[in-house]
Amino acid sequence: MSFALYLTHFPILVTAVCALFLTLAGSLPYGAAASLSTVTGLALCFAVAALFERHIDRPSMALARMIGPRREPAA
């Protein structure tokens, strides 16, 4: 899951978490808005990474094994 998290965390943090913080900052104190945005962003990052791994990464690795070159063992 580390590769999926690596690929998905930046777009989520830059878009969804920033938008959530800006929305919350108008109605909550700064610390509360930052904390809630951070916790929500981390949960969202892990959820999206899990979905990415299950539906994109694993099937693509299986496909690569099926169509990849067959190597004979060295003699």
N, C-alpha and C. Protein backbone atom coordinates (compact mmCIF):
# COMPACT_ATOMS: atom_id res chain seq x y z
N MET A 1 0.81 -1.18 0.00
CA MET A 1 0.00 0.00 0.00
C MET A 1 0.87 1.27 0.00
N SER A 2 2.13 1.12 0.25
CA SER A 2 2.99 2.31 0.34
C SER A 2 3.08 3.03 -1.01
N PHE A 3 3.15 2.29 -2.11
CA PHE A 3 3.23 2.95 -3.42
C PHE A 3 1.94 3.69 -3.73
N ALA A 4 0.82 3.07 -3.43
CA ALA A 4 -0.48 3.71 -3.67
C ALA A 4 -0.62 4.96 -2.81
N LEU A 5 -0.16 4.91 -1.58
CA LEU A 5 -0.21 6.09 -0.71
C LEU A 5 0.72 7.18 -1.23
N TYR A 6 1.88 6.76 -1.70
CA TYR A 6 2.84 7.71 -2.28
C TYR A 6 2.23 8.45 -3.48
N LEU A 7 1.50 7.73 -4.32
CA LEU A 7 0.92 8.34 -5.52
C LEU A 7 -0.27 9.23 -5.22
N THR A 8 -1.05 8.90 -4.21
CA THR A 8 -2.31 9.60 -4.00
C THR A 8 -2.28 10.67 -2.92
N HIS A 9 -1.30 10.67 -2.05
CA HIS A 9 -1.37 11.60 -0.92
C HIS A 9 -1.25 13.07 -1.34
N PHE A 10 -0.36 13.37 -2.26
CA PHE A 10 -0.14 14.77 -2.61
C PHE A 10 -1.37 15.43 -3.24
N PRO A 11 -1.99 14.82 -4.26
CA PRO A 11 -3.19 15.46 -4.82
C PRO A 11 -4.31 15.63 -3.80
N ILE A 12 -4.45 14.67 -2.90
CA ILE A 12 -5.49 14.79 -1.88
C ILE A 12 -5.18 15.91 -0.91
N LEU A 13 -3.94 15.97 -0.45
CA LEU A 13 -3.58 17.01 0.50
C LEU A 13 -3.68 18.41 -0.10
N VAL A 14 -3.29 18.53 -1.35
CA VAL A 14 -3.27 19.85 -1.98
C VAL A 14 -4.68 20.32 -2.35
N THR A 15 -5.58 19.41 -2.64
CA THR A 15 -6.92 19.83 -3.06
C THR A 15 -7.94 19.69 -1.94
N ALA A 16 -8.26 18.47 -1.57
CA ALA A 16 -9.36 18.23 -0.63
C ALA A 16 -9.07 18.78 0.76
N VAL A 17 -7.87 18.56 1.26
CA VAL A 17 -7.56 19.00 2.62
C VAL A 17 -7.49 20.52 2.68
N CYS A 18 -6.90 21.14 1.69
CA CYS A 18 -6.84 22.61 1.67
C CYS A 18 -8.24 23.21 1.55
N ALA A 19 -9.07 22.63 0.70
CA ALA A 19 -10.44 23.13 0.56
C ALA A 19 -11.22 22.95 1.85
N LEU A 20 -11.04 21.81 2.51
CA LEU A 20 -11.72 21.58 3.78
C LEU A 20 -11.25 22.57 4.83
N PHE A 21 -9.94 22.81 4.89
CA PHE A 21 -9.42 23.77 5.86
C PHE A 21 -9.99 25.17 5.61
N LEU A 22 -10.00 25.61 4.36
CA LEU A 22 -10.52 26.93 4.05
C LEU A 22 -12.00 27.05 4.40
N THR A 23 -12.74 25.96 4.21
CA THR A 23 -14.15 25.97 4.57
C THR A 23 -14.33 26.04 6.08
N LEU A 24 -13.56 25.24 6.80
CA LEU A 24 -13.70 25.20 8.26
C LEU A 24 -13.12 26.42 8.95
N ALA A 25 -12.11 27.04 8.35
CA ALA A 25 -11.43 28.17 9.00
C ALA A 25 -12.37 29.35 9.22
N GLY A 26 -13.42 29.46 8.44
CA GLY A 26 -14.37 30.54 8.61
C GLY A 26 -15.28 30.36 9.81
N SER A 27 -15.47 29.12 10.24
CA SER A 27 -16.42 28.88 11.32
C SER A 27 -15.81 28.28 12.58
N LEU A 28 -14.56 27.82 12.51
CA LEU A 28 -13.89 27.22 13.66
C LEU A 28 -12.60 27.98 13.95
N PRO A 29 -12.09 27.87 15.17
CA PRO A 29 -10.77 28.45 15.44
C PRO A 29 -9.70 27.77 14.57
N TYR A 30 -8.60 28.47 14.36
CA TYR A 30 -7.54 27.99 13.47
C TYR A 30 -7.06 26.59 13.85
N GLY A 31 -6.76 26.35 15.11
CA GLY A 31 -6.25 25.06 15.55
C GLY A 31 -7.24 23.93 15.31
N ALA A 32 -8.51 24.19 15.59
CA ALA A 32 -9.53 23.16 15.37
C ALA A 32 -9.70 22.85 13.90
N ALA A 33 -9.70 23.89 13.07
CA ALA A 33 -9.83 23.69 11.62
C ALA A 33 -8.64 22.92 11.07
N ALA A 34 -7.44 23.27 11.54
CA ALA A 34 -6.23 22.57 11.07
C ALA A 34 -6.23 21.12 11.53
N SER A 35 -6.59 20.88 12.77
CA SER A 35 -6.61 19.50 13.30
C SER A 35 -7.64 18.65 12.59
N LEU A 36 -8.84 19.16 12.44
CA LEU A 36 -9.90 18.40 11.78
C LEU A 36 -9.55 18.14 10.32
N SER A 37 -8.98 19.12 9.65
CA SER A 37 -8.57 18.94 8.26
C SER A 37 -7.48 17.88 8.14
N THR A 38 -6.53 17.90 9.07
CA THR A 38 -5.42 16.93 9.04
C THR A 38 -5.92 15.52 9.27
N VAL A 39 -6.74 15.33 10.28
CA VAL A 39 -7.25 13.98 10.58
C VAL A 39 -8.11 13.47 9.43
N THR A 40 -8.98 14.33 8.91
CA THR A 40 -9.82 13.92 7.78
C THR A 40 -8.98 13.62 6.55
N GLY A 41 -7.96 14.44 6.32
CA GLY A 41 -7.09 14.22 5.17
C GLY A 41 -6.32 12.92 5.25
N LEU A 42 -5.81 12.60 6.45
CA LEU A 42 -5.09 11.33 6.62
C LEU A 42 -6.01 10.14 6.37
N ALA A 43 -7.21 10.21 6.92
CA ALA A 43 -8.18 9.12 6.70
C ALA A 43 -8.51 8.99 5.22
N LEU A 44 -8.70 10.12 4.56
CA LEU A 44 -9.02 10.10 3.13
C LEU A 44 -7.85 9.56 2.31
N CYS A 45 -6.63 9.93 2.68
CA CYS A 45 -5.44 9.42 1.97
C CYS A 45 -5.36 7.90 2.06
N PHE A 46 -5.54 7.36 3.25
CA PHE A 46 -5.45 5.92 3.41
C PHE A 46 -6.61 5.20 2.72
N ALA A 47 -7.80 5.78 2.75
CA ALA A 47 -8.94 5.15 2.07
C ALA A 47 -8.74 5.13 0.56
N VAL A 48 -8.30 6.24 -0.01
CA VAL A 48 -8.07 6.30 -1.46
C VAL A 48 -6.91 5.39 -1.85
N ALA A 49 -5.87 5.34 -1.03
CA ALA A 49 -4.73 4.46 -1.33
C ALA A 49 -5.15 2.99 -1.30
N ALA A 50 -6.00 2.62 -0.35
CA ALA A 50 -6.49 1.23 -0.29
C ALA A 50 -7.31 0.89 -1.54
N LEU A 51 -8.17 1.80 -1.96
CA LEU A 51 -8.95 1.58 -3.17
C LEU A 51 -8.06 1.52 -4.40
N PHE A 52 -7.07 2.40 -4.46
CA PHE A 52 -6.13 2.42 -5.58
C PHE A 52 -5.38 1.10 -5.67
N GLU A 53 -4.92 0.62 -4.53
CA GLU A 53 -4.17 -0.64 -4.54
C GLU A 53 -5.05 -1.80 -4.97
N ARG A 54 -6.26 -1.86 -4.45
CA ARG A 54 -7.15 -2.98 -4.75
C ARG A 54 -7.62 -2.98 -6.21
N HIS A 55 -7.98 -1.81 -6.73
CA HIS A 55 -8.62 -1.76 -8.05
C HIS A 55 -7.69 -1.37 -9.20
N ILE A 56 -6.52 -0.85 -8.91
CA ILE A 56 -5.61 -0.45 -9.98
C ILE A 56 -4.26 -1.17 -9.88
N ASP A 57 -3.63 -1.11 -8.72
CA ASP A 57 -2.28 -1.65 -8.58
C ASP A 57 -2.25 -3.17 -8.70
N ARG A 58 -3.06 -3.87 -7.94
CA ARG A 58 -3.05 -5.34 -7.99
C ARG A 58 -3.44 -5.88 -9.37
N PRO A 59 -4.53 -5.38 -9.98
CA PRO A 59 -4.85 -5.89 -11.32
C PRO A 59 -3.76 -5.59 -12.35
N SER A 60 -3.11 -4.43 -12.25
CA SER A 60 -2.05 -4.14 -13.23
C SER A 60 -0.84 -5.03 -13.01
N MET A 61 -0.52 -5.37 -11.78
CA MET A 61 0.59 -6.29 -11.52
C MET A 61 0.26 -7.69 -12.03
N ALA A 62 -0.98 -8.12 -11.85
CA ALA A 62 -1.39 -9.43 -12.36
C ALA A 62 -1.33 -9.46 -13.88
N LEU A 63 -1.76 -8.39 -14.51
CA LEU A 63 -1.69 -8.31 -15.97
C LEU A 63 -0.24 -8.32 -16.44
N ALA A 64 0.62 -7.61 -15.75
CA ALA A 64 2.04 -7.59 -16.12
C ALA A 64 2.65 -8.98 -16.02
N ARG A 65 2.26 -9.74 -15.01
CA ARG A 65 2.77 -11.11 -14.88
C ARG A 65 2.25 -12.00 -16.00
N MET A 66 1.03 -11.76 -16.44
CA MET A 66 0.45 -12.59 -17.51
C MET A 66 1.09 -12.29 -18.87
N ILE A 67 1.35 -11.03 -19.16
CA ILE A 67 1.83 -10.69 -20.50
C ILE A 67 3.31 -10.40 -20.55
N GLY A 68 3.98 -10.41 -19.40
CA GLY A 68 5.39 -10.09 -19.35
C GLY A 68 6.24 -11.19 -19.98
N PRO A 69 7.49 -10.88 -20.23
CA PRO A 69 8.38 -11.88 -20.85
C PRO A 69 8.62 -13.05 -19.90
N ARG A 70 8.63 -14.22 -20.47
CA ARG A 70 8.93 -15.43 -19.70
C ARG A 70 10.44 -15.64 -19.71
N ARG A 71 11.02 -15.74 -18.57
CA ARG A 71 12.47 -15.94 -18.50
C ARG A 71 12.75 -17.37 -18.09
N GLU A 72 13.68 -17.96 -18.81
CA GLU A 72 14.10 -19.31 -18.49
C GLU A 72 15.15 -19.24 -17.39
N PRO A 73 15.15 -20.19 -16.48
CA PRO A 73 16.17 -20.19 -15.43
C PRO A 73 17.57 -20.34 -16.03
N ALA A 74 18.52 -19.67 -15.43
CA ALA A 74 19.91 -19.73 -15.91
C ALA A 74 20.46 -21.14 -15.65
N ALA A 75 21.22 -21.61 -16.62
CA ALA A 75 21.76 -22.97 -16.48
C ALA A 75 23.10 -22.96 -15.80
